[in-house]
Amino acid sequence: MGVVYHTHYLDYFEAGRTEALRNLGVSYRSLEEQGLIMPVVNVDVQYRGPAHYDDLLDITVRFEEMPSVRVPIEYAVRRRDESPLLASGHTTLCFMDADRRRPTRAPEAVRTVFADALSS
């Protein structure tokens, strides 16, 4: 059909949040080394217009609240240099103890980074 397959937007969300967290100073690798994982427990996507193959896309990621056990994240997808919204969405991730597979509170270092980012 010449348009991006709908599930690829979830890949875009993942890449965007990975980079956004890295820009805040939080890497998935460091969390995993601490015995934490962050599975997606909820996802919602609203498709507004098609992205086409070979489009350059900008993914905007917003963290709007301090994470506790869960981390809600908002996304917006647009073609580079254009303003119309192609897709928007929301995911909720959960901090989880990797060994016990049980939810756990966000590490203090993560909360500190988020406190700084949310206050600016």
N, C-alpha and C. Protein backbone atom coordinates (compact mmCIF):
# COMPACT_ATOMS: atom_id res chain seq x y z
N MET A 1 0.81 -1.21 0.00
CA MET A 1 0.00 0.00 0.00
C MET A 1 0.85 1.26 0.00
N GLY A 2 2.16 1.12 0.15
CA GLY A 2 3.03 2.29 0.10
C GLY A 2 3.11 3.08 1.38
N VAL A 3 2.50 2.57 2.46
CA VAL A 3 2.55 3.27 3.74
C VAL A 3 3.21 2.38 4.78
N VAL A 4 3.65 3.00 5.85
CA VAL A 4 4.30 2.27 6.93
C VAL A 4 3.28 1.38 7.63
N TYR A 5 3.64 0.14 7.84
CA TYR A 5 2.77 -0.83 8.53
C TYR A 5 2.50 -0.35 9.95
N HIS A 6 1.27 -0.49 10.39
CA HIS A 6 0.82 0.13 11.65
C HIS A 6 1.63 -0.27 12.88
N THR A 7 2.11 -1.49 12.95
CA THR A 7 2.84 -1.90 14.16
C THR A 7 4.23 -1.28 14.25
N HIS A 8 4.75 -0.75 13.14
CA HIS A 8 6.08 -0.13 13.19
C HIS A 8 6.07 1.12 14.07
N TYR A 9 4.90 1.72 14.28
CA TYR A 9 4.84 2.88 15.16
C TYR A 9 5.25 2.50 16.59
N LEU A 10 4.98 1.27 16.99
CA LEU A 10 5.42 0.83 18.31
C LEU A 10 6.95 0.76 18.37
N ASP A 11 7.57 0.36 17.25
CA ASP A 11 9.04 0.38 17.18
C ASP A 11 9.56 1.81 17.28
N TYR A 12 8.87 2.75 16.63
CA TYR A 12 9.27 4.15 16.70
C TYR A 12 9.14 4.67 18.14
N PHE A 13 8.06 4.28 18.80
CA PHE A 13 7.90 4.68 20.20
C PHE A 13 9.06 4.16 21.05
N GLU A 14 9.41 2.88 20.84
CA GLU A 14 10.49 2.29 21.64
C GLU A 14 11.81 2.99 21.39
N ALA A 15 12.13 3.23 20.13
CA ALA A 15 13.38 3.92 19.82
C ALA A 15 13.38 5.33 20.42
N GLY A 16 12.26 6.02 20.33
CA GLY A 16 12.15 7.36 20.89
C GLY A 16 12.33 7.38 22.39
N ARG A 17 11.67 6.45 23.09
CA ARG A 17 11.79 6.47 24.55
C ARG A 17 13.17 6.03 25.01
N THR A 18 13.80 5.10 24.27
CA THR A 18 15.16 4.68 24.61
C THR A 18 16.11 5.87 24.54
N GLU A 19 15.99 6.65 23.46
CA GLU A 19 16.86 7.82 23.31
C GLU A 19 16.50 8.92 24.30
N ALA A 20 15.21 9.12 24.56
CA ALA A 20 14.80 10.14 25.53
C ALA A 20 15.33 9.80 26.92
N LEU A 21 15.23 8.54 27.31
CA LEU A 21 15.77 8.13 28.61
C LEU A 21 17.29 8.31 28.64
N ARG A 22 17.95 7.93 27.55
CA ARG A 22 19.41 8.09 27.48
C ARG A 22 19.79 9.56 27.62
N ASN A 23 19.01 10.44 26.97
CA ASN A 23 19.28 11.88 27.07
C ASN A 23 19.10 12.40 28.49
N LEU A 24 18.25 11.74 29.27
CA LEU A 24 18.07 12.11 30.68
C LEU A 24 19.18 11.53 31.56
N GLY A 25 19.94 10.57 31.02
CA GLY A 25 21.00 9.93 31.80
C GLY A 25 20.62 8.56 32.32
N VAL A 26 19.56 7.97 31.77
CA VAL A 26 19.10 6.64 32.19
C VAL A 26 19.22 5.70 31.00
N SER A 27 20.01 4.64 31.14
CA SER A 27 20.11 3.68 30.04
C SER A 27 19.47 2.36 30.47
N TYR A 28 18.81 1.72 29.50
CA TYR A 28 18.22 0.42 29.78
C TYR A 28 19.28 -0.56 30.26
N ARG A 29 20.45 -0.49 29.63
CA ARG A 29 21.51 -1.42 30.00
C ARG A 29 21.88 -1.28 31.48
N SER A 30 22.01 -0.04 31.96
CA SER A 30 22.38 0.15 33.36
C SER A 30 21.28 -0.36 34.29
N LEU A 31 20.02 -0.17 33.88
CA LEU A 31 18.91 -0.69 34.69
C LEU A 31 18.95 -2.22 34.74
N GLU A 32 19.20 -2.84 33.59
CA GLU A 32 19.28 -4.30 33.55
C GLU A 32 20.44 -4.81 34.39
N GLU A 33 21.54 -4.07 34.39
CA GLU A 33 22.69 -4.46 35.23
C GLU A 33 22.35 -4.37 36.71
N GLN A 34 21.35 -3.53 37.05
CA GLN A 34 20.89 -3.42 38.44
C GLN A 34 19.79 -4.44 38.76
N GLY A 35 19.46 -5.28 37.77
CA GLY A 35 18.44 -6.29 37.99
C GLY A 35 17.02 -5.81 37.75
N LEU A 36 16.88 -4.73 36.97
CA LEU A 36 15.56 -4.17 36.67
C LEU A 36 15.24 -4.32 35.18
N ILE A 37 13.98 -4.56 34.89
CA ILE A 37 13.49 -4.52 33.53
C ILE A 37 12.29 -3.58 33.50
N MET A 38 11.90 -3.15 32.30
CA MET A 38 10.79 -2.20 32.16
C MET A 38 9.86 -2.66 31.05
N PRO A 39 9.03 -3.66 31.31
CA PRO A 39 8.11 -4.09 30.26
C PRO A 39 6.99 -3.07 30.03
N VAL A 40 6.49 -3.05 28.82
CA VAL A 40 5.32 -2.25 28.48
C VAL A 40 4.10 -2.98 29.03
N VAL A 41 3.28 -2.27 29.81
CA VAL A 41 2.06 -2.89 30.36
C VAL A 41 0.80 -2.31 29.74
N ASN A 42 0.95 -1.22 28.97
CA ASN A 42 -0.19 -0.63 28.30
C ASN A 42 0.32 0.15 27.10
N VAL A 43 -0.41 0.07 25.99
CA VAL A 43 -0.06 0.87 24.81
C VAL A 43 -1.34 1.30 24.11
N ASP A 44 -1.30 2.51 23.58
CA ASP A 44 -2.44 3.07 22.87
C ASP A 44 -1.88 3.93 21.73
N VAL A 45 -2.40 3.74 20.53
CA VAL A 45 -1.95 4.51 19.37
C VAL A 45 -3.17 5.08 18.64
N GLN A 46 -3.07 6.34 18.25
CA GLN A 46 -4.08 6.97 17.41
C GLN A 46 -3.40 7.31 16.09
N TYR A 47 -3.90 6.73 15.01
CA TYR A 47 -3.36 6.97 13.68
C TYR A 47 -4.15 8.10 13.03
N ARG A 48 -3.44 9.12 12.56
CA ARG A 48 -4.11 10.30 12.01
C ARG A 48 -3.82 10.49 10.52
N GLY A 49 -2.69 10.00 10.07
CA GLY A 49 -2.31 10.11 8.66
C GLY A 49 -1.17 9.15 8.40
N PRO A 50 -0.98 8.74 7.15
CA PRO A 50 0.04 7.72 6.87
C PRO A 50 1.44 8.30 6.75
N ALA A 51 2.39 7.57 7.27
CA ALA A 51 3.80 7.80 6.95
C ALA A 51 4.09 6.90 5.75
N HIS A 52 4.96 7.37 4.87
CA HIS A 52 5.29 6.60 3.67
C HIS A 52 6.72 6.09 3.79
N TYR A 53 7.00 5.04 3.06
CA TYR A 53 8.35 4.49 3.07
C TYR A 53 9.34 5.57 2.68
N ASP A 54 10.44 5.60 3.38
CA ASP A 54 11.54 6.53 3.16
C ASP A 54 11.27 7.93 3.70
N ASP A 55 10.13 8.14 4.37
CA ASP A 55 9.91 9.41 5.07
C ASP A 55 10.90 9.53 6.22
N LEU A 56 11.39 10.72 6.46
CA LEU A 56 12.16 10.99 7.67
C LEU A 56 11.16 11.45 8.72
N LEU A 57 11.15 10.76 9.86
CA LEU A 57 10.15 11.03 10.90
C LEU A 57 10.80 11.59 12.15
N ASP A 58 10.09 12.47 12.81
CA ASP A 58 10.48 12.96 14.12
C ASP A 58 9.53 12.36 15.15
N ILE A 59 10.10 11.80 16.19
CA ILE A 59 9.32 11.21 17.28
C ILE A 59 9.54 12.08 18.50
N THR A 60 8.48 12.69 18.99
CA THR A 60 8.55 13.50 20.21
C THR A 60 8.09 12.64 21.37
N VAL A 61 8.88 12.63 22.44
CA VAL A 61 8.58 11.82 23.63
C VAL A 61 8.45 12.76 24.81
N ARG A 62 7.38 12.60 25.59
CA ARG A 62 7.17 13.43 26.78
C ARG A 62 6.94 12.56 28.01
N PHE A 63 7.69 12.88 29.03
CA PHE A 63 7.47 12.29 30.36
C PHE A 63 6.80 13.40 31.16
N GLU A 64 5.58 13.17 31.60
CA GLU A 64 4.84 14.25 32.23
C GLU A 64 4.69 14.11 33.73
N GLU A 65 5.13 12.99 34.29
CA GLU A 65 5.03 12.84 35.74
C GLU A 65 6.16 11.99 36.28
N MET A 66 6.38 12.15 37.56
CA MET A 66 7.43 11.40 38.24
C MET A 66 7.09 9.91 38.23
N PRO A 67 8.02 9.07 37.79
CA PRO A 67 7.74 7.64 37.83
C PRO A 67 7.76 7.11 39.26
N SER A 68 6.88 6.20 39.52
CA SER A 68 6.91 5.48 40.80
C SER A 68 7.21 4.04 40.44
N VAL A 69 6.20 3.21 40.36
CA VAL A 69 6.36 1.85 39.84
C VAL A 69 6.13 1.87 38.34
N ARG A 70 5.20 2.69 37.92
CA ARG A 70 4.86 2.80 36.49
C ARG A 70 5.39 4.11 35.92
N VAL A 71 5.66 4.07 34.60
CA VAL A 71 6.17 5.24 33.90
C VAL A 71 5.26 5.52 32.70
N PRO A 72 4.38 6.51 32.79
CA PRO A 72 3.56 6.87 31.63
C PRO A 72 4.36 7.76 30.67
N ILE A 73 4.22 7.47 29.37
CA ILE A 73 4.98 8.20 28.35
C ILE A 73 4.06 8.54 27.19
N GLU A 74 4.16 9.78 26.69
CA GLU A 74 3.36 10.25 25.56
C GLU A 74 4.27 10.42 24.33
N TYR A 75 3.70 10.17 23.13
CA TYR A 75 4.46 10.23 21.89
C TYR A 75 3.69 11.02 20.83
N ALA A 76 4.45 11.64 19.92
CA ALA A 76 3.88 12.27 18.73
C ALA A 76 4.83 11.96 17.57
N VAL A 77 4.25 11.58 16.43
CA VAL A 77 5.03 11.22 15.24
C VAL A 77 4.64 12.18 14.12
N ARG A 78 5.67 12.83 13.55
CA ARG A 78 5.46 13.75 12.42
C ARG A 78 6.55 13.51 11.38
N ARG A 79 6.23 13.87 10.12
CA ARG A 79 7.28 13.90 9.11
C ARG A 79 8.23 15.04 9.45
N ARG A 80 9.50 14.82 9.21
CA ARG A 80 10.48 15.88 9.46
C ARG A 80 10.13 17.11 8.63
N ASP A 81 10.24 18.27 9.25
CA ASP A 81 9.96 19.55 8.61
C ASP A 81 8.49 19.77 8.25
N GLU A 82 7.59 18.96 8.82
CA GLU A 82 6.16 19.18 8.62
C GLU A 82 5.48 19.13 9.97
N SER A 83 4.40 19.87 10.11
CA SER A 83 3.73 19.89 11.40
C SER A 83 2.56 18.92 11.56
N PRO A 84 1.89 18.46 10.48
CA PRO A 84 0.73 17.59 10.73
C PRO A 84 1.11 16.32 11.50
N LEU A 85 0.31 16.02 12.46
CA LEU A 85 0.52 14.84 13.30
C LEU A 85 0.12 13.60 12.52
N LEU A 86 1.04 12.63 12.42
CA LEU A 86 0.74 11.37 11.75
C LEU A 86 0.17 10.35 12.73
N ALA A 87 0.71 10.34 13.94
CA ALA A 87 0.24 9.41 14.97
C ALA A 87 0.61 9.97 16.33
N SER A 88 -0.19 9.62 17.31
CA SER A 88 0.14 9.95 18.69
C SER A 88 -0.12 8.70 19.50
N GLY A 89 0.44 8.67 20.68
CA GLY A 89 0.23 7.47 21.48
C GLY A 89 0.69 7.63 22.90
N HIS A 90 0.50 6.56 23.62
CA HIS A 90 0.81 6.51 25.03
C HIS A 90 1.26 5.09 25.35
N THR A 91 2.32 4.98 26.14
CA THR A 91 2.67 3.69 26.73
C THR A 91 2.82 3.86 28.23
N THR A 92 2.63 2.79 28.92
CA THR A 92 2.94 2.74 30.35
C THR A 92 3.91 1.58 30.53
N LEU A 93 5.06 1.88 31.11
CA LEU A 93 6.04 0.85 31.44
C LEU A 93 6.02 0.64 32.93
N CYS A 94 6.53 -0.49 33.36
CA CYS A 94 6.54 -0.84 34.77
C CYS A 94 7.96 -1.25 35.17
N PHE A 95 8.47 -0.65 36.24
CA PHE A 95 9.73 -1.14 36.79
C PHE A 95 9.48 -2.49 37.41
N MET A 96 10.33 -3.47 37.07
CA MET A 96 10.11 -4.82 37.56
C MET A 96 11.45 -5.44 37.95
N ASP A 97 11.44 -6.13 39.08
CA ASP A 97 12.60 -6.90 39.50
C ASP A 97 12.76 -8.06 38.52
N ALA A 98 13.90 -8.13 37.84
CA ALA A 98 14.10 -9.12 36.78
C ALA A 98 14.08 -10.55 37.30
N ASP A 99 14.60 -10.78 38.48
CA ASP A 99 14.65 -12.14 39.01
C ASP A 99 13.29 -12.60 39.52
N ARG A 100 12.64 -11.75 40.29
CA ARG A 100 11.36 -12.13 40.90
C ARG A 100 10.17 -11.92 39.98
N ARG A 101 10.37 -11.12 38.91
CA ARG A 101 9.29 -10.78 37.99
C ARG A 101 8.12 -10.12 38.72
N ARG A 102 8.47 -9.25 39.65
CA ARG A 102 7.49 -8.51 40.45
C ARG A 102 7.73 -7.01 40.28
N PRO A 103 6.67 -6.22 40.24
CA PRO A 103 6.83 -4.76 40.17
C PRO A 103 7.64 -4.23 41.35
N THR A 104 8.39 -3.19 41.09
CA THR A 104 9.20 -2.56 42.13
C THR A 104 9.24 -1.06 41.88
N ARG A 105 9.61 -0.33 42.89
CA ARG A 105 9.67 1.13 42.81
C ARG A 105 10.86 1.57 41.95
N ALA A 106 10.71 2.68 41.26
CA ALA A 106 11.80 3.26 40.46
C ALA A 106 12.99 3.52 41.36
N PRO A 107 14.19 3.23 40.89
CA PRO A 107 15.39 3.51 41.69
C PRO A 107 15.51 5.01 42.00
N GLU A 108 16.10 5.31 43.11
CA GLU A 108 16.25 6.71 43.53
C GLU A 108 17.00 7.54 42.48
N ALA A 109 18.01 6.96 41.85
CA ALA A 109 18.77 7.70 40.82
C ALA A 109 17.86 8.09 39.66
N VAL A 110 16.95 7.23 39.28
CA VAL A 110 16.00 7.53 38.20
C VAL A 110 15.05 8.63 38.64
N ARG A 111 14.56 8.54 39.86
CA ARG A 111 13.64 9.56 40.37
C ARG A 111 14.34 10.93 40.44
N THR A 112 15.60 10.95 40.80
CA THR A 112 16.36 12.20 40.86
C THR A 112 16.49 12.82 39.47
N VAL A 113 16.84 12.01 38.48
CA VAL A 113 16.96 12.49 37.11
C VAL A 113 15.64 13.05 36.61
N PHE A 114 14.54 12.33 36.90
CA PHE A 114 13.23 12.81 36.47
C PHE A 114 12.84 14.08 37.20
N ALA A 115 13.15 14.17 38.49
CA ALA A 115 12.82 15.39 39.25
C ALA A 115 13.49 16.59 38.62
N ASP A 116 14.76 16.45 38.24
CA ASP A 116 15.48 17.54 37.60
C ASP A 116 14.85 17.89 36.26
N ALA A 117 14.53 16.88 35.46
CA ALA A 117 13.98 17.12 34.12
C ALA A 117 12.58 17.72 34.19
N LEU A 118 11.76 17.25 35.10
CA LEU A 118 10.40 17.75 35.19
C LEU A 118 10.33 19.15 35.77
N SER A 119 11.33 19.56 36.52
CA SER A 119 11.31 20.90 37.12
C SER A 119 11.81 21.98 36.16
N SER A 120 12.44 21.56 35.08
CA SER A 120 12.97 22.57 34.15
C SER A 120 12.06 22.83 32.98
